[in-house]
Amino acid sequence: VSDLRTSTLTGSLDLSHSVFDLRSPPHRFMKRYDSVSSVPSSTSSRKDSHGSNRSLDTITLSGDERDFGRLNVQLCYVPSVEQIWITVLRCKDLSWPSSCGENPRVYVKGILTLPKPVQFKSSAKEGCNDIEFMETFVFAIKLQIVQTVRLVFKIQTQTPRKRTIGECSLALREISSEESSHWLDISPPSK
C-alpha cells in the first residue's frame, strides 16, 4: 500500500520517507492560495435549543457548541503512477482543553480507512492559533480503491501526554488528478 515507486517519477524529488516539506518551492503540485479567498466565511448566528437564531457575539459558547477550529488539506491523485498525494497545510483557530497546557505540541494523524488502514502523521508543532504543517504524504493505491474510502484526521497533542483533541474526515469519492483544497471543521473526538 505504501509502495512509493520512486523509479517512475521524474525529477530529483526524494520520496524515501513519503514526506515532502513544501516550504521551499519549486514544487510541481503546489499552488498558492490567498488566505482570504480560500477560507469560507463563518456563519454569524447559530440556532439555540429552542430553534431561534442568536448572534454568536451575544452568547458564550461552551461544551459542544464551541468552535474547535479547521484543518486545511490538499488532495491530488496521480493516475500515471497510481498515487494519492495528501498535503496537510494548516490548522486555524484550533482550541484544546486547558488540561493540555498553554502551548501543547500538536500534530495531525491521518488514516485512510482501507480494510487494513493506512496511517501517517505530521511532525509536531507548538500549539497556537494558526499552525502551519505544509507536509505531503504519498501512497500508491489504485483509484478505484481510493474512491471507496474516507480520509480521517485526528488532531492530537504530544505533550503533556498523547491525546486526541479533535477530528474530521473527508470522503474521497471525488478525488481526481485536479488538485483540490479542503477546509474541514474539526469536531470533538468521538467517545
C-alpha atoms as a PDB file:
ATOM      1  CA  VAL A   1       0.000   0.000   0.000  1.00  0.00           C
ATOM      2  CA  SER A   2       2.815   2.415   0.710  1.00  0.00           C
ATOM      3  CA  ASP A   3       4.942   1.426  -2.309  1.00  0.00           C
ATOM      4  CA  LEU A   4       6.300   4.773  -3.451  1.00  0.00           C
ATOM      5  CA  ARG A   5       7.542   3.677  -6.889  1.00  0.00           C
ATOM      6  CA  THR A   6      10.330   6.241  -6.881  1.00  0.00           C
ATOM      7  CA  SER A   7      11.842   4.949 -10.101  1.00  0.00           C
ATOM      8  CA  THR A   8       8.793   6.048 -12.125  1.00  0.00           C
ATOM      9  CA  LEU A   9       8.910   9.685 -11.014  1.00  0.00           C
ATOM     10  CA  THR A  10      10.937  12.269 -12.873  1.00  0.00           C
ATOM     11  CA  GLY A  11      12.989  14.972 -11.223  1.00  0.00           C
ATOM     12  CA  SER A  12      15.086  14.848  -8.122  1.00  0.00           C
ATOM     13  CA  LEU A  13      12.317  14.573  -5.520  1.00  0.00           C
ATOM     14  CA  ASP A  14      13.275  12.414  -2.574  1.00  0.00           C
ATOM     15  CA  LEU A  15      10.372  10.119  -1.678  1.00  0.00           C
ATOM     16  CA  SER A  16      12.233   7.796   0.661  1.00  0.00           C
ATOM     17  CA  HIS A  17      10.226   8.895   3.695  1.00  0.00           C
ATOM     18  CA  SER A  18       6.986   9.670   1.783  1.00  0.00           C
ATOM     19  CA  VAL A  19       7.034  13.207   3.189  1.00  0.00           C
ATOM     20  CA  PHE A  20       7.793  16.483   1.457  1.00  0.00           C
ATOM     21  CA  ASP A  21       8.464  19.802   3.073  1.00  0.00           C
ATOM     22  CA  LEU A  22       6.651  22.224   0.771  1.00  0.00           C
ATOM     23  CA  ARG A  23       8.027  25.440   2.228  1.00  0.00           C
ATOM     24  CA  SER A  24      10.790  25.624  -0.387  1.00  0.00           C
ATOM     25  CA  PRO A  25       9.443  25.922  -3.950  1.00  0.00           C
ATOM     26  CA  PRO A  26       9.507  24.887  -6.709  1.00  0.00           C
ATOM     27  CA  HIS A  27       7.125  22.001  -6.308  1.00  0.00           C
ATOM     28  CA  ARG A  28       5.047  20.852  -9.228  1.00  0.00           C
ATOM     29  CA  PHE A  29       1.936  20.113  -7.179  1.00  0.00           C
ATOM     30  CA  MET A  30       1.956  23.242  -5.059  1.00  0.00           C
ATOM     31  CA  LYS A  31      -0.338  26.169  -5.708  1.00  0.00           C
ATOM     32  CA  ARG A  32      -0.629  29.376  -3.753  1.00  0.00           C
ATOM     33  CA  TYR A  33      -3.933  30.083  -2.039  1.00  0.00           C
ATOM     34  CA  ASP A  34      -4.945  33.520  -0.933  1.00  0.00           C
ATOM     35  CA  SER A  35      -5.792  33.121   2.727  1.00  0.00           C
ATOM     36  CA  VAL A  36      -8.746  35.480   2.391  1.00  0.00           C
ATOM     37  CA  SER A  37     -10.446  33.968  -0.644  1.00  0.00           C
ATOM     38  CA  SER A  38      -9.815  30.307   0.231  1.00  0.00           C
ATOM     39  CA  VAL A  39     -11.343  30.472   3.702  1.00  0.00           C
ATOM     40  CA  PRO A  40     -15.115  30.153   3.803  1.00  0.00           C
ATOM     41  CA  SER A  41     -16.669  32.818   5.992  1.00  0.00           C
ATOM     42  CA  SER A  42     -18.189  31.520   9.192  1.00  0.00           C
ATOM     43  CA  THR A  43     -21.869  31.991   9.963  1.00  0.00           C
ATOM     44  CA  SER A  44     -22.733  34.797  12.337  1.00  0.00           C
ATOM     45  CA  SER A  45     -25.621  33.046  14.030  1.00  0.00           C
ATOM     46  CA  ARG A  46     -26.397  29.636  15.420  1.00  0.00           C
ATOM     47  CA  LYS A  47     -29.708  28.071  16.466  1.00  0.00           C
ATOM     48  CA  ASP A  48     -30.174  27.508  20.182  1.00  0.00           C
ATOM     49  CA  SER A  49     -32.015  24.536  21.704  1.00  0.00           C
ATOM     50  CA  HIS A  50     -35.387  26.211  21.018  1.00  0.00           C
ATOM     51  CA  GLY A  51     -34.579  26.750  17.324  1.00  0.00           C
ATOM     52  CA  SER A  52     -34.193  30.525  17.416  1.00  0.00           C
ATOM     53  CA  ASN A  53     -31.208  32.353  15.975  1.00  0.00           C
ATOM     54  CA  ARG A  54     -28.957  34.316  18.314  1.00  0.00           C
ATOM     55  CA  SER A  55     -25.917  36.298  17.365  1.00  0.00           C
ATOM     56  CA  LEU A  56     -22.686  34.494  18.290  1.00  0.00           C
ATOM     57  CA  ASP A  57     -21.268  37.577  19.935  1.00  0.00           C
ATOM     58  CA  THR A  58     -24.145  37.695  22.436  1.00  0.00           C
ATOM     59  CA  ILE A  59     -23.764  34.159  23.742  1.00  0.00           C
ATOM     60  CA  THR A  60     -20.982  32.274  25.440  1.00  0.00           C
ATOM     61  CA  LEU A  61     -20.010  29.081  23.665  1.00  0.00           C
ATOM     62  CA  SER A  62     -19.335  26.083  25.833  1.00  0.00           C
ATOM     63  CA  GLY A  63     -19.120  22.327  25.514  1.00  0.00           C
ATOM     64  CA  ASP A  64     -20.194  21.001  22.111  1.00  0.00           C
ATOM     65  CA  GLU A  65     -21.162  24.484  20.840  1.00  0.00           C
ATOM     66  CA  ARG A  66     -17.560  25.644  20.940  1.00  0.00           C
ATOM     67  CA  ASP A  67     -15.647  26.046  17.668  1.00  0.00           C
ATOM     68  CA  PHE A  68     -12.767  23.542  17.579  1.00  0.00           C
ATOM     69  CA  GLY A  69     -11.077  25.084  14.563  1.00  0.00           C
ATOM     70  CA  ARG A  70     -10.493  23.988  10.971  1.00  0.00           C
ATOM     71  CA  LEU A  71      -7.966  21.862   9.128  1.00  0.00           C
ATOM     72  CA  ASN A  72      -6.800  22.772   5.612  1.00  0.00           C
ATOM     73  CA  VAL A  73      -5.697  19.889   3.379  1.00  0.00           C
ATOM     74  CA  GLN A  74      -4.938  19.443  -0.334  1.00  0.00           C
ATOM     75  CA  LEU A  75      -5.581  16.248  -2.256  1.00  0.00           C
ATOM     76  CA  CYS A  76      -4.431  15.025  -5.641  1.00  0.00           C
ATOM     77  CA  TYR A  77      -4.403  11.665  -7.409  1.00  0.00           C
ATOM     78  CA  VAL A  78      -1.615  10.998  -9.929  1.00  0.00           C
ATOM     79  CA  PRO A  79      -3.004   8.326 -12.302  1.00  0.00           C
ATOM     80  CA  SER A  80       0.263   7.676 -14.161  1.00  0.00           C
ATOM     81  CA  VAL A  81       1.859   6.234 -11.011  1.00  0.00           C
ATOM     82  CA  GLU A  82      -1.402   5.371  -9.131  1.00  0.00           C
ATOM     83  CA  GLN A  83      -0.531   7.587  -6.171  1.00  0.00           C
ATOM     84  CA  ILE A  84      -2.611   9.658  -3.801  1.00  0.00           C
ATOM     85  CA  TRP A  85      -0.916  12.860  -2.581  1.00  0.00           C
ATOM     86  CA  ILE A  86      -2.237  14.194   0.735  1.00  0.00           C
ATOM     87  CA  THR A  87      -0.910  17.560   1.902  1.00  0.00           C
ATOM     88  CA  VAL A  88      -1.633  18.731   5.443  1.00  0.00           C
ATOM     89  CA  LEU A  89      -1.377  22.510   5.155  1.00  0.00           C
ATOM     90  CA  ARG A  90      -2.535  24.149   8.392  1.00  0.00           C
ATOM     91  CA  CYS A  91      -4.848  24.229  11.403  1.00  0.00           C
ATOM     92  CA  LYS A  92      -6.640  27.516  12.083  1.00  0.00           C
ATOM     93  CA  ASP A  93      -8.489  28.666  15.218  1.00  0.00           C
ATOM     94  CA  LEU A  94      -7.600  25.414  16.985  1.00  0.00           C
ATOM     95  CA  SER A  95      -8.802  25.066  20.566  1.00  0.00           C
ATOM     96  CA  TRP A  96      -7.766  22.456  23.112  1.00  0.00           C
ATOM     97  CA  PRO A  97      -8.668  21.620  26.726  1.00  0.00           C
ATOM     98  CA  SER A  98      -6.876  23.630  29.395  1.00  0.00           C
ATOM     99  CA  SER A  99      -5.533  20.333  30.787  1.00  0.00           C
ATOM    100  CA  CYS A 100      -3.227  20.196  27.731  1.00  0.00           C
ATOM    101  CA  GLY A 101      -1.395  23.332  28.896  1.00  0.00           C
ATOM    102  CA  GLU A 102      -0.944  26.693  27.224  1.00  0.00           C
ATOM    103  CA  ASN A 103       1.059  25.607  24.163  1.00  0.00           C
ATOM    104  CA  PRO A 104       0.977  21.824  23.742  1.00  0.00           C
ATOM    105  CA  ARG A 105       2.873  20.127  20.901  1.00  0.00           C
ATOM    106  CA  VAL A 106       0.218  19.370  18.256  1.00  0.00           C
ATOM    107  CA  TYR A 107       0.330  17.016  15.265  1.00  0.00           C
ATOM    108  CA  VAL A 108      -2.130  15.617  12.728  1.00  0.00           C
ATOM    109  CA  LYS A 109      -2.605  11.871  12.385  1.00  0.00           C
ATOM    110  CA  GLY A 110      -4.210  10.733   9.115  1.00  0.00           C
ATOM    111  CA  ILE A 111      -5.922   7.431   8.421  1.00  0.00           C
ATOM    112  CA  LEU A 112      -7.052   6.038   5.061  1.00  0.00           C
ATOM    113  CA  THR A 113      -9.908   3.713   6.056  1.00  0.00           C
ATOM    114  CA  LEU A 114      -8.911   0.722   3.934  1.00  0.00           C
ATOM    115  CA  PRO A 115      -9.604  -2.826   5.245  1.00  0.00           C
ATOM    116  CA  LYS A 116      -6.029  -2.627   6.538  1.00  0.00           C
ATOM    117  CA  PRO A 117      -5.909   1.098   7.499  1.00  0.00           C
ATOM    118  CA  VAL A 118      -3.014   3.209   6.229  1.00  0.00           C
ATOM    119  CA  GLN A 119      -1.808   5.685   8.862  1.00  0.00           C
ATOM    120  CA  PHE A 120       0.546   8.655   8.753  1.00  0.00           C
ATOM    121  CA  LYS A 121       1.290  11.634  10.941  1.00  0.00           C
ATOM    122  CA  SER A 122       2.747  15.093  10.614  1.00  0.00           C
ATOM    123  CA  SER A 123       5.586  16.458  12.664  1.00  0.00           C
ATOM    124  CA  ALA A 124       4.587  18.040  15.992  1.00  0.00           C
ATOM    125  CA  LYS A 125       4.320  21.837  16.183  1.00  0.00           C
ATOM    126  CA  GLU A 126       3.815  24.210  19.080  1.00  0.00           C
ATOM    127  CA  GLY A 127       0.097  24.819  19.598  1.00  0.00           C
ATOM    128  CA  CYS A 128      -1.113  28.262  18.516  1.00  0.00           C
ATOM    129  CA  ASN A 129      -3.976  29.941  16.642  1.00  0.00           C
ATOM    130  CA  ASP A 130      -2.551  29.161  13.191  1.00  0.00           C
ATOM    131  CA  ILE A 131      -0.310  26.080  12.952  1.00  0.00           C
ATOM    132  CA  GLU A 132       1.417  25.569   9.608  1.00  0.00           C
ATOM    133  CA  PHE A 133       2.399  21.989   8.713  1.00  0.00           C
ATOM    134  CA  MET A 134       2.976  22.035   4.916  1.00  0.00           C
ATOM    135  CA  GLU A 135       3.715  18.301   4.715  1.00  0.00           C
ATOM    136  CA  THR A 136       2.779  15.907   1.909  1.00  0.00           C
ATOM    137  CA  PHE A 137       2.238  12.160   2.232  1.00  0.00           C
ATOM    138  CA  VAL A 138       2.262   9.890  -0.821  1.00  0.00           C
ATOM    139  CA  PHE A 139       0.741   6.413  -1.093  1.00  0.00           C
ATOM    140  CA  ALA A 140       0.446   4.080  -4.090  1.00  0.00           C
ATOM    141  CA  ILE A 141      -3.185   2.910  -4.170  1.00  0.00           C
ATOM    142  CA  LYS A 142      -5.472   2.191  -7.125  1.00  0.00           C
ATOM    143  CA  LEU A 143      -8.007   4.958  -7.825  1.00  0.00           C
ATOM    144  CA  GLN A 144     -10.997   2.576  -7.660  1.00  0.00           C
ATOM    145  CA  ILE A 145      -9.993   1.665  -4.101  1.00  0.00           C
ATOM    146  CA  VAL A 146      -9.201   5.253  -3.017  1.00  0.00           C
ATOM    147  CA  GLN A 147     -12.664   6.417  -4.124  1.00  0.00           C
ATOM    148  CA  THR A 148     -14.372   3.952  -1.751  1.00  0.00           C
ATOM    149  CA  VAL A 149     -12.671   5.083   1.452  1.00  0.00           C
ATOM    150  CA  ARG A 150     -12.656   8.036   3.835  1.00  0.00           C
ATOM    151  CA  LEU A 151      -9.683  10.060   4.956  1.00  0.00           C
ATOM    152  CA  VAL A 152      -9.871  10.630   8.708  1.00  0.00           C
ATOM    153  CA  PHE A 153      -7.749  13.222  10.504  1.00  0.00           C
ATOM    154  CA  LYS A 154      -7.155  13.199  14.253  1.00  0.00           C
ATOM    155  CA  ILE A 155      -5.666  16.338  15.807  1.00  0.00           C
ATOM    156  CA  GLN A 156      -3.506  15.113  18.675  1.00  0.00           C
ATOM    157  CA  THR A 157      -1.306  16.570  21.373  1.00  0.00           C
ATOM    158  CA  GLN A 158       2.097  15.118  22.116  1.00  0.00           C
ATOM    159  CA  THR A 159       2.610  16.901  25.426  1.00  0.00           C
ATOM    160  CA  PRO A 160       1.958  16.629  28.308  1.00  0.00           C
ATOM    161  CA  ARG A 161       0.611  13.270  27.095  1.00  0.00           C
ATOM    162  CA  LYS A 162      -0.695  11.840  23.830  1.00  0.00           C
ATOM    163  CA  ARG A 163      -4.333  12.796  23.433  1.00  0.00           C
ATOM    164  CA  THR A 164      -6.849  13.343  20.607  1.00  0.00           C
ATOM    165  CA  ILE A 165      -8.310  16.849  20.902  1.00  0.00           C
ATOM    166  CA  GLY A 166     -10.389  16.856  17.707  1.00  0.00           C
ATOM    167  CA  GLU A 167     -11.113  15.050  14.474  1.00  0.00           C
ATOM    168  CA  CYS A 168     -12.543  15.490  10.990  1.00  0.00           C
ATOM    169  CA  SER A 169     -12.950  13.367   7.883  1.00  0.00           C
ATOM    170  CA  LEU A 170     -13.466  13.545   4.156  1.00  0.00           C
ATOM    171  CA  ALA A 171     -14.872  11.057   1.618  1.00  0.00           C
ATOM    172  CA  LEU A 172     -12.554  10.520  -1.364  1.00  0.00           C
ATOM    173  CA  ARG A 173     -15.275   9.780  -3.974  1.00  0.00           C
ATOM    174  CA  GLU A 174     -14.486  12.973  -5.900  1.00  0.00           C
ATOM    175  CA  ILE A 175     -10.685  12.784  -5.844  1.00  0.00           C
ATOM    176  CA  SER A 176      -9.049  13.309  -9.235  1.00  0.00           C
ATOM    177  CA  SER A 177      -5.843  14.452 -10.883  1.00  0.00           C
ATOM    178  CA  GLU A 178      -7.052  18.026 -10.372  1.00  0.00           C
ATOM    179  CA  GLU A 179      -5.595  19.271  -7.088  1.00  0.00           C
ATOM    180  CA  SER A 180      -8.313  20.223  -4.584  1.00  0.00           C
ATOM    181  CA  SER A 181      -8.137  22.200  -1.353  1.00  0.00           C
ATOM    182  CA  HIS A 182     -10.494  21.482   1.570  1.00  0.00           C
ATOM    183  CA  TRP A 183     -11.243  23.291   4.846  1.00  0.00           C
ATOM    184  CA  LEU A 184     -12.580  20.697   7.309  1.00  0.00           C
ATOM    185  CA  ASP A 185     -14.379  21.657  10.524  1.00  0.00           C
ATOM    186  CA  ILE A 186     -12.748  19.960  13.499  1.00  0.00           C
ATOM    187  CA  SER A 187     -15.204  18.226  15.862  1.00  0.00           C
ATOM    188  CA  PRO A 188     -14.719  16.983  19.423  1.00  0.00           C
ATOM    189  CA  PRO A 189     -13.200  13.470  19.420  1.00  0.00           C
ATOM    190  CA  SER A 190     -15.758  10.650  19.313  1.00  0.00           C
ATOM    191  CA  LYS A 191     -16.013   8.696  22.521  1.00  0.00           C
END
